[in-house]
Protein backbone atom coordinates (compact mmCIF):
# COMPACT_ATOMS: atom_id res chain seq x y z
CA UNK A 1 288.72 -22.75 -128.71
CA UNK A 2 289.59 -19.84 -126.49
CA UNK A 3 291.86 -20.13 -123.48
CA UNK A 4 289.90 -20.51 -120.25
CA UNK A 5 286.71 -21.65 -121.98
CA UNK A 6 284.34 -24.00 -120.17
CA UNK A 7 281.42 -26.11 -121.42
CA UNK A 8 278.24 -27.08 -119.58
CA UNK A 9 275.31 -29.30 -120.55
CA UNK A 10 272.14 -28.08 -118.83
CA UNK A 11 268.84 -29.97 -118.76
CA UNK A 12 265.90 -27.86 -117.61
CA UNK A 13 262.53 -29.33 -116.68
CA UNK A 14 259.11 -28.05 -115.75
CA UNK A 15 256.88 -25.90 -117.95
CA UNK A 16 259.68 -25.04 -120.37
CA UNK A 17 258.36 -26.01 -123.81
CA UNK A 18 255.94 -23.82 -125.73
CA UNK A 19 256.86 -20.69 -123.76
CA UNK A 20 259.66 -19.25 -125.92
CA UNK A 21 262.39 -20.79 -123.77
CA UNK A 22 264.73 -21.80 -126.64
CA UNK A 23 264.56 -18.44 -128.44
CA UNK A 24 264.96 -16.49 -125.21
CA UNK A 25 267.95 -18.67 -124.34
CA UNK A 26 269.53 -17.99 -127.73
CA UNK A 27 269.10 -14.22 -127.23
CA UNK A 28 270.67 -14.44 -123.77
CA UNK A 29 273.55 -16.56 -125.09
CA UNK A 30 274.18 -13.99 -127.83
CA UNK A 31 274.13 -11.16 -125.30
CA UNK A 32 276.67 -13.04 -123.15
CA UNK A 33 278.88 -14.21 -126.03
CA UNK A 34 278.24 -17.90 -125.32
CA UNK A 35 278.36 -20.53 -128.08
CA UNK A 36 276.55 -23.87 -128.28
CA UNK A 37 272.92 -24.87 -128.79
CA UNK A 38 269.51 -25.28 -127.20
CA UNK A 39 266.86 -27.87 -128.08
CA UNK A 40 263.64 -29.44 -126.88
CA UNK A 41 263.84 -33.03 -125.70
CA UNK A 42 261.06 -35.52 -126.36
CA UNK A 43 260.64 -35.93 -122.60
CA UNK A 44 259.41 -32.31 -122.27
CA UNK A 45 262.72 -30.92 -121.06
CA UNK A 46 265.01 -28.35 -122.69
CA UNK A 47 268.71 -29.10 -123.16
CA UNK A 48 271.30 -26.34 -123.39
CA UNK A 49 274.94 -26.87 -124.33
CA UNK A 50 276.89 -23.73 -123.50
CA UNK A 51 280.55 -22.96 -124.11
CA UNK A 52 282.65 -19.87 -123.55
CA UNK A 53 284.32 -17.83 -120.82
CA UNK A 54 283.51 -19.09 -117.31
CA UNK A 55 281.61 -15.95 -116.21
CA UNK A 56 279.48 -15.91 -119.36
CA UNK A 57 278.59 -19.62 -119.20
CA UNK A 58 277.82 -19.40 -115.48
CA UNK A 59 275.58 -16.39 -116.18
CA UNK A 60 273.67 -18.39 -118.81
CA UNK A 61 273.29 -21.31 -116.39
CA UNK A 62 271.93 -18.88 -113.77
CA UNK A 63 269.48 -17.52 -116.38
CA UNK A 64 268.40 -21.09 -117.21
CA UNK A 65 267.25 -21.58 -113.61
CA UNK A 66 264.33 -19.19 -114.24
CA UNK A 67 264.18 -18.75 -118.04
CA UNK A 68 261.76 -16.37 -119.77
CA UNK A 69 258.71 -14.88 -118.05
CA UNK A 70 256.25 -17.64 -119.08
CA UNK A 71 258.52 -20.54 -118.10
CA UNK A 72 257.91 -22.55 -114.95
CA UNK A 73 261.32 -24.05 -114.22
CA UNK A 74 261.10 -26.82 -111.63
CA UNK A 75 264.64 -28.10 -111.84
CA UNK A 76 267.99 -27.90 -113.60
CA UNK A 77 270.76 -30.50 -113.97
CA UNK A 78 274.21 -29.18 -114.90
CA UNK A 79 277.01 -31.40 -116.21
CA UNK A 80 280.59 -30.29 -116.88
CA UNK A 81 282.06 -31.23 -120.26
CA UNK A 82 285.32 -30.59 -122.06
CA UNK A 83 285.16 -27.55 -124.38
CA UNK A 84 284.97 -28.50 -128.07
CA UNK A 85 285.37 -25.12 -129.74
CA UNK A 86 281.69 -24.55 -130.57
CA UNK A 87 280.99 -21.78 -133.06
CA UNK A 88 277.82 -19.69 -132.85
CA UNK A 89 274.68 -20.55 -130.90
CA UNK A 90 271.87 -22.44 -132.60
CA UNK A 91 268.29 -23.33 -131.79
CA UNK A 92 267.42 -26.92 -132.68
CA UNK A 93 263.94 -28.44 -132.65
């Protein structure tokens, strides 16, 4: 894991499933150089786990607050976690 890396777990709710949120998130994470994953939760929320340099992770969290054009984000919960050395960024179902 890189020096100065941070990790955040982000749960996004609202109209965030079925609007391309996960794939848009993965593209944004790749653009920012953030590792981790994104997945739909059975409750209708989207969960993002993001790890990397502070500025990059914070930028992804800021993006998560609005998401892609068709998303209707109503709220976001952010939890700090210890970095685990995630490799790549994956989209889970």
